[in-house]
Amino acid sequence: MKIEPTYTSIGALFKRQSTFFIPKYQRAYAWESESVSDFIKDLLNCFEKRKQNSPMSHFFGGILSVKHPVVGAFDQHKYEIIDGQQRIATFALLVACMIKTYRNLQSEAQQSAGGTDLVSIIKKRLQDLSNKFIKFEQEIQRQVTPVEVLTLSKADDPFYQELIGDRNPSVSRDSHRKISDAHKTLLKEIQRIINVNDTIEDKIDDLEIIQNILDNDFTILHMVTENREDAFRLF
């Protein structure tokens, strides 16, 4: 049984232009408000340490996946998440909330005098976040195609994609409610963090701190196998 365990930050995990998917047999999104609150506490602890110029890491445990090649693409892989889907989905929801907040600040900057430079900075950050965590262009068989970085279970993915695309999807099952509640809670917390500031500059600085936490301070042990049989032996 071949296993490749790697201790990595969330930013490094997503930096490789790989995609992640949750197979249809895995359970739907299940985090209740208590789990989301614990996640936010971890974020706030890291945020306060960053504000004090003494970054700390927080370990979120192991994520188990099966690595598959992307047929028709050079040195590209997709990872089937066997264990850890709740955390991966919540990291992605956090990014979606950051993107929404940046867009709101972009609108403010566009309406303010001398906001041109701020708009350019925000656009760059939006592009970086989206390409790393939400969607990027991948060349497959000489065709460039936009691909979603994370695909949730069959029951949840259409709702999730519409939600992170800011399209106000309708809730039709309990897991959708939980995804929506997690998104609302995370968005509210991000806005609370940045709204202690008076200027757009200070607000985007605090958003950058959150991005640095996700990129560098939030860590996992990524355990990778090349077939489901080995993965299920571990799981």
C-alpha atoms as a PDB file:
ATOM      1  CA  MET A   1       0.000   0.000   0.000  1.00  0.00           C
ATOM      2  CA  LYS A   2       1.567   3.262  -1.151  1.00  0.00           C
ATOM      3  CA  ILE A   3       0.704   6.393   0.797  1.00  0.00           C
ATOM      4  CA  GLU A   4       2.112   9.875   0.249  1.00  0.00           C
ATOM      5  CA  PRO A   5       1.532  11.943   3.417  1.00  0.00           C
ATOM      6  CA  THR A   6       2.357  15.634   3.112  1.00  0.00           C
ATOM      7  CA  TYR A   7       2.104  18.252   5.835  1.00  0.00           C
ATOM      8  CA  THR A   8       0.933  21.322   3.954  1.00  0.00           C
ATOM      9  CA  SER A   9      -0.820  24.651   4.265  1.00  0.00           C
ATOM     10  CA  ILE A  10      -4.186  25.145   2.605  1.00  0.00           C
ATOM     11  CA  GLY A  11      -2.655  27.697   0.262  1.00  0.00           C
ATOM     12  CA  ALA A  12       0.006  25.231  -0.864  1.00  0.00           C
ATOM     13  CA  LEU A  13      -2.590  22.486  -1.309  1.00  0.00           C
ATOM     14  CA  PHE A  14      -4.617  24.589  -3.744  1.00  0.00           C
ATOM     15  CA  LYS A  15      -1.645  26.288  -5.368  1.00  0.00           C
ATOM     16  CA  ARG A  16      -0.834  23.310  -7.588  1.00  0.00           C
ATOM     17  CA  GLN A  17      -3.715  23.938 -10.019  1.00  0.00           C
ATOM     18  CA  SER A  18      -5.253  20.604  -9.116  1.00  0.00           C
ATOM     19  CA  THR A  19      -8.954  19.958  -8.687  1.00  0.00           C
ATOM     20  CA  PHE A  20     -10.819  18.202  -5.888  1.00  0.00           C
ATOM     21  CA  PHE A  21     -14.086  16.316  -5.985  1.00  0.00           C
ATOM     22  CA  ILE A  22     -16.291  14.597  -3.448  1.00  0.00           C
ATOM     23  CA  PRO A  23     -17.670  11.297  -4.792  1.00  0.00           C
ATOM     24  CA  LYS A  24     -21.404  10.717  -4.924  1.00  0.00           C
ATOM     25  CA  TYR A  25     -21.297   8.036  -2.225  1.00  0.00           C
ATOM     26  CA  GLN A  26     -19.926  10.461   0.374  1.00  0.00           C
ATOM     27  CA  ARG A  27     -22.332  12.187   2.716  1.00  0.00           C
ATOM     28  CA  ALA A  28     -23.564  15.684   2.016  1.00  0.00           C
ATOM     29  CA  TYR A  29     -22.354  18.796   3.831  1.00  0.00           C
ATOM     30  CA  ALA A  30     -23.055  18.239   7.522  1.00  0.00           C
ATOM     31  CA  TRP A  31     -21.410  20.949   9.612  1.00  0.00           C
ATOM     32  CA  GLU A  32     -23.801  22.478  12.124  1.00  0.00           C
ATOM     33  CA  SER A  33     -23.379  25.938  13.630  1.00  0.00           C
ATOM     34  CA  GLU A  34     -21.172  24.616  16.459  1.00  0.00           C
ATOM     35  CA  SER A  35     -18.558  23.292  14.017  1.00  0.00           C
ATOM     36  CA  VAL A  36     -18.609  26.534  12.027  1.00  0.00           C
ATOM     37  CA  SER A  37     -18.216  28.523  15.265  1.00  0.00           C
ATOM     38  CA  ASP A  38     -15.179  26.428  16.195  1.00  0.00           C
ATOM     39  CA  PHE A  39     -13.727  27.100  12.731  1.00  0.00           C
ATOM     40  CA  ILE A  40     -14.228  30.838  13.243  1.00  0.00           C
ATOM     41  CA  LYS A  41     -12.545  30.696  16.662  1.00  0.00           C
ATOM     42  CA  ASP A  42      -9.512  29.109  15.021  1.00  0.00           C
ATOM     43  CA  LEU A  43      -9.534  31.851  12.385  1.00  0.00           C
ATOM     44  CA  LEU A  44      -9.777  34.594  15.013  1.00  0.00           C
ATOM     45  CA  ASN A  45      -6.928  33.137  17.068  1.00  0.00           C
ATOM     46  CA  CYS A  46      -4.687  33.147  14.002  1.00  0.00           C
ATOM     47  CA  PHE A  47      -5.904  36.629  13.049  1.00  0.00           C
ATOM     48  CA  GLU A  48      -4.998  38.105  16.441  1.00  0.00           C
ATOM     49  CA  LYS A  49      -1.551  36.515  16.265  1.00  0.00           C
ATOM     50  CA  ARG A  50      -1.018  37.983  12.792  1.00  0.00           C
ATOM     51  CA  LYS A  51      -2.039  41.421  14.075  1.00  0.00           C
ATOM     52  CA  GLN A  52       0.602  41.017  16.789  1.00  0.00           C
ATOM     53  CA  ASN A  53       3.230  40.080  14.151  1.00  0.00           C
ATOM     54  CA  SER A  54       3.612  36.607  15.634  1.00  0.00           C
ATOM     55  CA  PRO A  55       1.876  34.207  13.213  1.00  0.00           C
ATOM     56  CA  MET A  56       0.767  30.838  14.536  1.00  0.00           C
ATOM     57  CA  SER A  57      -0.338  27.768  12.623  1.00  0.00           C
ATOM     58  CA  HIS A  58      -3.489  25.779  13.260  1.00  0.00           C
ATOM     59  CA  PHE A  59      -3.629  22.101  12.328  1.00  0.00           C
ATOM     60  CA  PHE A  60      -6.965  20.867  10.956  1.00  0.00           C
ATOM     61  CA  GLY A  61      -6.071  17.180  10.949  1.00  0.00           C
ATOM     62  CA  GLY A  62      -5.802  14.795   8.046  1.00  0.00           C
ATOM     63  CA  ILE A  63      -7.422  14.784   4.627  1.00  0.00           C
ATOM     64  CA  LEU A  64      -7.411  11.513   2.716  1.00  0.00           C
ATOM     65  CA  SER A  65      -7.686  11.474  -1.059  1.00  0.00           C
ATOM     66  CA  VAL A  66      -7.123   9.345  -4.138  1.00  0.00           C
ATOM     67  CA  LYS A  67      -5.016  10.938  -6.870  1.00  0.00           C
ATOM     68  CA  HIS A  68      -6.224  10.538 -10.457  1.00  0.00           C
ATOM     69  CA  PRO A  69      -4.554  11.836 -13.624  1.00  0.00           C
ATOM     70  CA  VAL A  70      -6.485  14.309 -15.754  1.00  0.00           C
ATOM     71  CA  VAL A  71      -6.765  12.566 -19.104  1.00  0.00           C
ATOM     72  CA  GLY A  72      -5.510  14.784 -21.910  1.00  0.00           C
ATOM     73  CA  ALA A  73      -3.737  17.264 -19.614  1.00  0.00           C
ATOM     74  CA  PHE A  74       0.001  17.370 -18.965  1.00  0.00           C
ATOM     75  CA  ASP A  75       1.018  16.689 -15.356  1.00  0.00           C
ATOM     76  CA  GLN A  76      -2.404  17.612 -13.968  1.00  0.00           C
ATOM     77  CA  HIS A  77      -4.255  15.703 -11.270  1.00  0.00           C
ATOM     78  CA  LYS A  78      -7.640  15.583  -9.631  1.00  0.00           C
ATOM     79  CA  TYR A  79      -8.119  14.392  -6.067  1.00  0.00           C
ATOM     80  CA  GLU A  80     -11.072  12.319  -4.910  1.00  0.00           C
ATOM     81  CA  ILE A  81     -11.734  13.283  -1.294  1.00  0.00           C
ATOM     82  CA  ILE A  82     -12.374  10.197   0.845  1.00  0.00           C
ATOM     83  CA  ASP A  83     -12.147  11.903   4.235  1.00  0.00           C
ATOM     84  CA  GLY A  84     -12.074  15.609   5.051  1.00  0.00           C
ATOM     85  CA  GLN A  85     -14.772  16.892   2.732  1.00  0.00           C
ATOM     86  CA  GLN A  86     -16.406  19.050   5.421  1.00  0.00           C
ATOM     87  CA  ARG A  87     -13.192  20.970   6.050  1.00  0.00           C
ATOM     88  CA  ILE A  88     -12.323  21.348   2.362  1.00  0.00           C
ATOM     89  CA  ALA A  89     -15.813  22.688   1.647  1.00  0.00           C
ATOM     90  CA  THR A  90     -15.606  25.136   4.549  1.00  0.00           C
ATOM     91  CA  PHE A  91     -12.224  26.462   3.397  1.00  0.00           C
ATOM     92  CA  ALA A  92     -13.802  27.086  -0.012  1.00  0.00           C
ATOM     93  CA  LEU A  93     -16.813  28.810   1.562  1.00  0.00           C
ATOM     94  CA  LEU A  94     -14.445  31.093   3.472  1.00  0.00           C
ATOM     95  CA  VAL A  95     -12.802  32.076   0.188  1.00  0.00           C
ATOM     96  CA  ALA A  96     -16.197  32.707  -1.419  1.00  0.00           C
ATOM     97  CA  CYS A  97     -17.029  35.071   1.452  1.00  0.00           C
ATOM     98  CA  MET A  98     -13.711  36.869   1.019  1.00  0.00           C
ATOM     99  CA  ILE A  99     -14.417  37.288  -2.691  1.00  0.00           C
ATOM    100  CA  LYS A 100     -17.880  38.696  -1.997  1.00  0.00           C
ATOM    101  CA  THR A 101     -16.410  41.129   0.532  1.00  0.00           C
ATOM    102  CA  TYR A 102     -13.673  42.236  -1.867  1.00  0.00           C
ATOM    103  CA  ARG A 103     -16.298  42.891  -4.552  1.00  0.00           C
ATOM    104  CA  ASN A 104     -18.280  45.089  -2.177  1.00  0.00           C
ATOM    105  CA  LEU A 105     -15.121  47.041  -1.359  1.00  0.00           C
ATOM    106  CA  GLN A 106     -14.315  47.294  -5.060  1.00  0.00           C
ATOM    107  CA  SER A 107     -17.672  48.989  -5.625  1.00  0.00           C
ATOM    108  CA  GLU A 108     -16.916  51.428  -2.803  1.00  0.00           C
ATOM    109  CA  ALA A 109     -13.473  52.180  -4.212  1.00  0.00           C
ATOM    110  CA  GLN A 110     -14.887  52.826  -7.684  1.00  0.00           C
ATOM    111  CA  GLN A 111     -17.163  55.492  -6.236  1.00  0.00           C
ATOM    112  CA  SER A 112     -14.473  57.187  -4.141  1.00  0.00           C
ATOM    113  CA  ALA A 113     -12.108  59.913  -5.284  1.00  0.00           C
ATOM    114  CA  GLY A 114      -8.651  58.554  -5.985  1.00  0.00           C
ATOM    115  CA  GLY A 115      -9.788  54.957  -5.702  1.00  0.00           C
ATOM    116  CA  THR A 116      -8.267  53.799  -8.997  1.00  0.00           C
ATOM    117  CA  ASP A 117      -5.198  52.214  -7.416  1.00  0.00           C
ATOM    118  CA  LEU A 118      -7.333  50.435  -4.829  1.00  0.00           C
ATOM    119  CA  VAL A 119      -9.570  49.042  -7.554  1.00  0.00           C
ATOM    120  CA  SER A 120      -6.527  47.627  -9.351  1.00  0.00           C
ATOM    121  CA  ILE A 121      -5.243  45.996  -6.157  1.00  0.00           C
ATOM    122  CA  ILE A 122      -8.634  44.483  -5.370  1.00  0.00           C
ATOM    123  CA  LYS A 123      -9.043  43.166  -8.926  1.00  0.00           C
ATOM    124  CA  LYS A 124      -5.655  41.452  -8.684  1.00  0.00           C
ATOM    125  CA  ARG A 125      -6.536  39.842  -5.363  1.00  0.00           C
ATOM    126  CA  LEU A 126      -9.908  38.706  -6.678  1.00  0.00           C
ATOM    127  CA  GLN A 127      -8.271  37.068  -9.668  1.00  0.00           C
ATOM    128  CA  ASP A 128      -5.674  35.332  -7.494  1.00  0.00           C
ATOM    129  CA  LEU A 129      -8.274  33.982  -5.058  1.00  0.00           C
ATOM    130  CA  SER A 130     -10.617  32.827  -7.788  1.00  0.00           C
ATOM    131  CA  ASN A 131      -7.913  31.101  -9.839  1.00  0.00           C
ATOM    132  CA  LYS A 132      -6.548  29.267  -6.822  1.00  0.00           C
ATOM    133  CA  PHE A 133      -9.716  28.260  -4.970  1.00  0.00           C
ATOM    134  CA  ILE A 134     -12.758  28.621  -7.233  1.00  0.00           C
ATOM    135  CA  LYS A 135     -12.144  28.171 -10.958  1.00  0.00           C
ATOM    136  CA  PHE A 136      -9.209  28.214 -13.363  1.00  0.00           C
ATOM    137  CA  GLU A 137      -8.547  27.485 -17.025  1.00  0.00           C
ATOM    138  CA  GLN A 138      -7.074  24.077 -17.779  1.00  0.00           C
ATOM    139  CA  GLU A 139      -5.774  22.825 -21.110  1.00  0.00           C
ATOM    140  CA  ILE A 140      -7.229  19.410 -21.937  1.00  0.00           C
ATOM    141  CA  GLN A 141      -6.533  17.853 -25.337  1.00  0.00           C
ATOM    142  CA  ARG A 142      -5.462  21.241 -26.729  1.00  0.00           C
ATOM    143  CA  GLN A 143      -8.691  22.853 -25.573  1.00  0.00           C
ATOM    144  CA  VAL A 144      -8.666  25.465 -22.805  1.00  0.00           C
ATOM    145  CA  THR A 145     -11.600  24.826 -20.494  1.00  0.00           C
ATOM    146  CA  PRO A 146     -12.688  26.525 -17.255  1.00  0.00           C
ATOM    147  CA  VAL A 147     -12.820  23.961 -14.437  1.00  0.00           C
ATOM    148  CA  GLU A 148     -14.154  24.212 -10.889  1.00  0.00           C
ATOM    149  CA  VAL A 149     -11.462  23.703  -8.267  1.00  0.00           C
ATOM    150  CA  LEU A 150     -13.877  21.956  -5.893  1.00  0.00           C
ATOM    151  CA  THR A 151     -16.872  19.831  -6.826  1.00  0.00           C
ATOM    152  CA  LEU A 152     -19.117  18.778  -3.953  1.00  0.00           C
ATOM    153  CA  SER A 153     -21.350  15.719  -3.806  1.00  0.00           C
ATOM    154  CA  LYS A 154     -24.051  15.282  -6.445  1.00  0.00           C
ATOM    155  CA  ALA A 155     -26.717  16.481  -4.017  1.00  0.00           C
ATOM    156  CA  ASP A 156     -24.863  19.636  -3.019  1.00  0.00           C
ATOM    157  CA  ASP A 157     -22.716  20.777  -5.926  1.00  0.00           C
ATOM    158  CA  PRO A 158     -25.319  22.665  -8.012  1.00  0.00           C
ATOM    159  CA  PHE A 159     -26.377  24.594  -4.905  1.00  0.00           C
ATOM    160  CA  TYR A 160     -22.763  25.251  -3.886  1.00  0.00           C
ATOM    161  CA  GLN A 161     -21.721  26.489  -7.352  1.00  0.00           C
ATOM    162  CA  GLU A 162     -24.666  28.886  -7.513  1.00  0.00           C
ATOM    163  CA  LEU A 163     -23.995  30.136  -3.990  1.00  0.00           C
ATOM    164  CA  ILE A 164     -20.311  30.929  -4.544  1.00  0.00           C
ATOM    165  CA  GLY A 165     -21.306  32.491  -7.863  1.00  0.00           C
ATOM    166  CA  ASP A 166     -23.536  34.877  -5.869  1.00  0.00           C
ATOM    167  CA  ARG A 167     -26.711  33.691  -7.595  1.00  0.00           C
ATOM    168  CA  ASN A 168     -28.985  33.162  -4.533  1.00  0.00           C
ATOM    169  CA  PRO A 169     -29.913  29.480  -5.002  1.00  0.00           C
ATOM    170  CA  SER A 170     -33.025  27.957  -3.470  1.00  0.00           C
ATOM    171  CA  VAL A 171     -32.587  25.625  -0.502  1.00  0.00           C
ATOM    172  CA  SER A 172     -34.143  22.225  -1.200  1.00  0.00           C
ATOM    173  CA  ARG A 173     -32.565  19.940   1.423  1.00  0.00           C
ATOM    174  CA  ASP A 174     -30.969  20.041   4.862  1.00  0.00           C
ATOM    175  CA  SER A 175     -27.391  20.022   3.561  1.00  0.00           C
ATOM    176  CA  HIS A 176     -28.175  23.096   1.443  1.00  0.00           C
ATOM    177  CA  ARG A 177     -29.389  24.879   4.560  1.00  0.00           C
ATOM    178  CA  LYS A 178     -26.162  23.985   6.348  1.00  0.00           C
ATOM    179  CA  ILE A 179     -24.033  25.239   3.450  1.00  0.00           C
ATOM    180  CA  SER A 180     -26.059  28.449   3.313  1.00  0.00           C
ATOM    181  CA  ASP A 181     -25.884  28.952   7.093  1.00  0.00           C
ATOM    182  CA  ALA A 182     -22.113  28.366   7.099  1.00  0.00           C
ATOM    183  CA  HIS A 183     -21.691  30.871   4.262  1.00  0.00           C
ATOM    184  CA  LYS A 184     -23.816  33.497   6.035  1.00  0.00           C
ATOM    185  CA  THR A 185     -21.970  33.012   9.325  1.00  0.00           C
ATOM    186  CA  LEU A 186     -18.528  33.226   7.717  1.00  0.00           C
ATOM    187  CA  LEU A 187     -19.522  36.290   5.681  1.00  0.00           C
ATOM    188  CA  LYS A 188     -20.892  38.037   8.764  1.00  0.00           C
ATOM    189  CA  GLU A 189     -17.687  37.315  10.689  1.00  0.00           C
ATOM    190  CA  ILE A 190     -15.414  38.596   7.917  1.00  0.00           C
ATOM    191  CA  GLN A 191     -17.452  41.780   7.696  1.00  0.00           C
ATOM    192  CA  ARG A 192     -17.313  42.188  11.476  1.00  0.00           C
ATOM    193  CA  ILE A 193     -13.509  41.821  11.399  1.00  0.00           C
ATOM    194  CA  ILE A 194     -12.908  44.406   8.684  1.00  0.00           C
ATOM    195  CA  ASN A 195     -15.599  46.897   9.707  1.00  0.00           C
ATOM    196  CA  VAL A 196     -13.674  47.955  12.812  1.00  0.00           C
ATOM    197  CA  ASN A 197     -11.687  49.968  10.251  1.00  0.00           C
ATOM    198  CA  ASP A 198     -12.747  53.283   8.744  1.00  0.00           C
ATOM    199  CA  THR A 199     -10.874  53.188   5.440  1.00  0.00           C
ATOM    200  CA  ILE A 200     -10.993  50.832   2.476  1.00  0.00           C
ATOM    201  CA  GLU A 201      -7.202  50.552   2.695  1.00  0.00           C
ATOM    202  CA  ASP A 202      -7.354  49.193   6.249  1.00  0.00           C
ATOM    203  CA  LYS A 203     -10.217  46.877   5.364  1.00  0.00           C
ATOM    204  CA  ILE A 204      -8.359  45.256   2.484  1.00  0.00           C
ATOM    205  CA  ASP A 205      -5.282  44.990   4.699  1.00  0.00           C
ATOM    206  CA  ASP A 206      -7.289  42.908   7.172  1.00  0.00           C
ATOM    207  CA  LEU A 207      -8.681  40.824   4.328  1.00  0.00           C
ATOM    208  CA  GLU A 208      -5.116  40.199   3.234  1.00  0.00           C
ATOM    209  CA  ILE A 209      -4.345  38.938   6.743  1.00  0.00           C
ATOM    210  CA  ILE A 210      -7.196  36.432   6.448  1.00  0.00           C
ATOM    211  CA  GLN A 211      -5.842  35.375   3.069  1.00  0.00           C
ATOM    212  CA  ASN A 212      -2.379  34.890   4.587  1.00  0.00           C
ATOM    213  CA  ILE A 213      -3.886  32.750   7.333  1.00  0.00           C
ATOM    214  CA  LEU A 214      -5.546  30.533   4.759  1.00  0.00           C
ATOM    215  CA  ASP A 215      -2.437  30.415   2.598  1.00  0.00           C
ATOM    216  CA  ASN A 216       0.124  29.833   5.341  1.00  0.00           C
ATOM    217  CA  ASP A 217      -1.291  29.271   8.841  1.00  0.00           C
ATOM    218  CA  PHE A 218      -4.122  26.788   8.284  1.00  0.00           C
ATOM    219  CA  THR A 219      -2.472  23.395   7.829  1.00  0.00           C
ATOM    220  CA  ILE A 220      -3.448  19.780   7.205  1.00  0.00           C
ATOM    221  CA  LEU A 221      -1.849  16.396   6.686  1.00  0.00           C
ATOM    222  CA  HIS A 222      -2.741  15.424   3.113  1.00  0.00           C
ATOM    223  CA  MET A 223      -2.626  11.643   2.762  1.00  0.00           C
ATOM    224  CA  VAL A 224      -2.692  10.548  -0.871  1.00  0.00           C
ATOM    225  CA  THR A 225      -3.137   7.096  -2.379  1.00  0.00           C
ATOM    226  CA  GLU A 226      -3.472   6.045  -5.999  1.00  0.00           C
ATOM    227  CA  ASN A 227      -6.466   3.733  -5.611  1.00  0.00           C
ATOM    228  CA  ARG A 228      -9.663   3.586  -3.577  1.00  0.00           C
ATOM    229  CA  GLU A 229      -8.844   0.215  -2.025  1.00  0.00           C
ATOM    230  CA  ASP A 230      -5.806   1.611  -0.227  1.00  0.00           C
ATOM    231  CA  ALA A 231      -7.746   4.710   0.786  1.00  0.00           C
ATOM    232  CA  PHE A 232     -10.570   2.684   2.313  1.00  0.00           C
ATOM    233  CA  ARG A 233      -8.080   0.585   4.269  1.00  0.00           C
ATOM    234  CA  LEU A 234      -6.923   3.805   5.907  1.00  0.00           C
ATOM    235  CA  PHE A 235     -10.441   5.180   6.277  1.00  0.00           C
END
